[in-house]
């Protein structure tokens, strides 16, 4: 199971729980055990907490991926760009040196 699958399943489970919670509140309102305003307030508070939890989960996953990639010691895009610039610079210097050498051989 990939990280994507884990995140996807967590989101789907969260959506399922949210729907079940809303249905439970609706049933309590229908039975008269909660007023509509109480049900709406509870749902709003729960949704806000769920959103914060979801944001924290996303942040934690991002940090985990970043730490994992760092431990793998993979080159970053910046590292590769620096190497490409260095290669280009060395290639240009080599071309100039070869040009000088060729001129020296002609004489």
Protein backbone atom coordinates (compact mmCIF):
# COMPACT_ATOMS: atom_id res chain seq x y z
CA UNK A 1 0.00 0.00 0.00
CA UNK A 2 1.49 3.35 -1.06
CA UNK A 3 1.44 6.60 0.88
CA UNK A 4 -1.13 7.87 -1.62
CA UNK A 5 -3.41 4.91 -0.80
CA UNK A 6 -3.10 5.57 2.93
CA UNK A 7 -3.97 9.24 2.51
CA UNK A 8 -6.82 8.46 0.13
CA UNK A 9 -8.30 5.89 2.53
CA UNK A 10 -7.96 8.30 5.46
CA UNK A 11 -9.78 11.01 3.54
CA UNK A 12 -12.53 8.64 2.46
CA UNK A 13 -12.92 7.37 6.02
CA UNK A 14 -13.09 10.97 7.23
CA UNK A 15 -15.81 11.76 4.72
CA UNK A 16 -17.76 8.68 5.79
CA UNK A 17 -17.51 9.60 9.45
CA UNK A 18 -18.56 13.17 8.69
CA UNK A 19 -21.64 11.94 6.85
CA UNK A 20 -22.54 9.54 9.66
CA UNK A 21 -22.12 12.33 12.23
CA UNK A 22 -24.38 14.64 10.22
CA UNK A 23 -27.03 11.92 9.91
CA UNK A 24 -26.89 11.30 13.67
CA UNK A 25 -27.39 15.00 14.35
CA UNK A 26 -30.27 15.11 11.86
CA UNK A 27 -31.92 12.17 13.66
CA UNK A 28 -31.55 13.91 17.03
CA UNK A 29 -33.13 17.06 15.58
CA UNK A 30 -36.01 15.03 14.08
CA UNK A 31 -36.62 13.34 17.42
CA UNK A 32 -36.66 16.73 19.11
CA UNK A 33 -33.68 15.94 21.31
CA UNK A 34 -31.76 18.84 19.72
CA UNK A 35 -32.98 22.09 18.23
CA UNK A 36 -31.95 22.89 14.68
CA UNK A 37 -29.71 25.69 15.89
CA UNK A 38 -28.01 23.37 18.41
CA UNK A 39 -27.49 20.75 15.71
CA UNK A 40 -26.09 23.35 13.30
CA UNK A 41 -23.76 24.70 16.02
CA UNK A 42 -22.48 21.24 16.92
CA UNK A 43 -21.98 20.35 13.25
CA UNK A 44 -20.10 23.60 12.62
CA UNK A 45 -17.81 23.06 15.64
CA UNK A 46 -17.15 19.45 14.66
CA UNK A 47 -16.45 20.40 11.04
CA UNK A 48 -13.98 23.09 12.13
CA UNK A 49 -12.16 20.61 14.36
CA UNK A 50 -12.14 18.03 11.56
CA UNK A 51 -10.69 20.62 9.16
CA UNK A 52 -7.91 21.48 11.62
CA UNK A 53 -7.17 17.80 12.10
CA UNK A 54 -7.09 17.29 8.34
CA UNK A 55 -4.71 20.22 7.91
CA UNK A 56 -2.45 18.83 10.64
CA UNK A 57 -2.51 15.38 9.01
CA UNK A 58 -1.52 16.91 5.68
CA UNK A 59 1.29 18.87 7.35
CA UNK A 60 2.52 15.75 9.15
CA UNK A 61 2.52 13.72 5.95
CA UNK A 62 4.43 16.46 4.11
CA UNK A 63 7.02 16.59 6.88
CA UNK A 64 7.32 12.80 6.88
CA UNK A 65 7.87 12.71 3.12
CA UNK A 66 10.45 15.52 3.36
CA UNK A 67 12.36 13.75 6.15
CA UNK A 68 12.22 10.45 4.25
CA UNK A 69 13.58 12.04 1.09
CA UNK A 70 16.30 13.76 3.10
CA UNK A 71 17.34 10.44 4.68
CA UNK A 72 17.46 8.87 1.23
CA UNK A 73 20.07 11.51 0.37
CA UNK A 74 18.60 12.13 -3.07
CA UNK A 75 19.86 15.14 -4.99
CA UNK A 76 17.49 18.10 -5.05
CA UNK A 77 16.52 20.00 -8.16
CA UNK A 78 18.91 22.76 -7.04
CA UNK A 79 21.73 20.24 -6.69
CA UNK A 80 21.16 19.00 -10.23
CA UNK A 81 20.97 22.54 -11.61
CA UNK A 82 24.28 23.42 -9.89
CA UNK A 83 25.91 20.31 -11.37
CA UNK A 84 24.59 21.16 -14.83
CA UNK A 85 26.03 24.70 -14.57
CA UNK A 86 29.37 23.29 -13.41
CA UNK A 87 29.40 20.81 -16.32
CA UNK A 88 28.60 23.58 -18.79
CA UNK A 89 31.35 25.77 -17.33
CA UNK A 90 33.90 22.94 -17.50
CA UNK A 91 32.80 22.06 -21.01
CA UNK A 92 33.31 25.68 -22.11
CA UNK A 93 36.77 25.79 -20.49
CA UNK A 94 37.69 22.51 -22.16
CA UNK A 95 36.54 23.80 -25.56
CA UNK A 96 38.67 26.94 -25.11
CA UNK A 97 41.70 24.87 -24.09
CA UNK A 98 41.26 22.57 -27.08
CA UNK A 99 41.03 25.61 -29.33
CA UNK A 100 44.29 26.98 -27.92
CA UNK A 101 45.97 23.59 -28.30
CA UNK A 102 44.86 23.30 -31.93
CA UNK A 103 46.19 26.77 -32.70
CA UNK A 104 49.51 25.83 -31.08
CA UNK A 105 49.76 22.67 -33.20
CA UNK A 106 49.16 24.52 -36.47
CA UNK A 107 52.20 26.71 -36.05
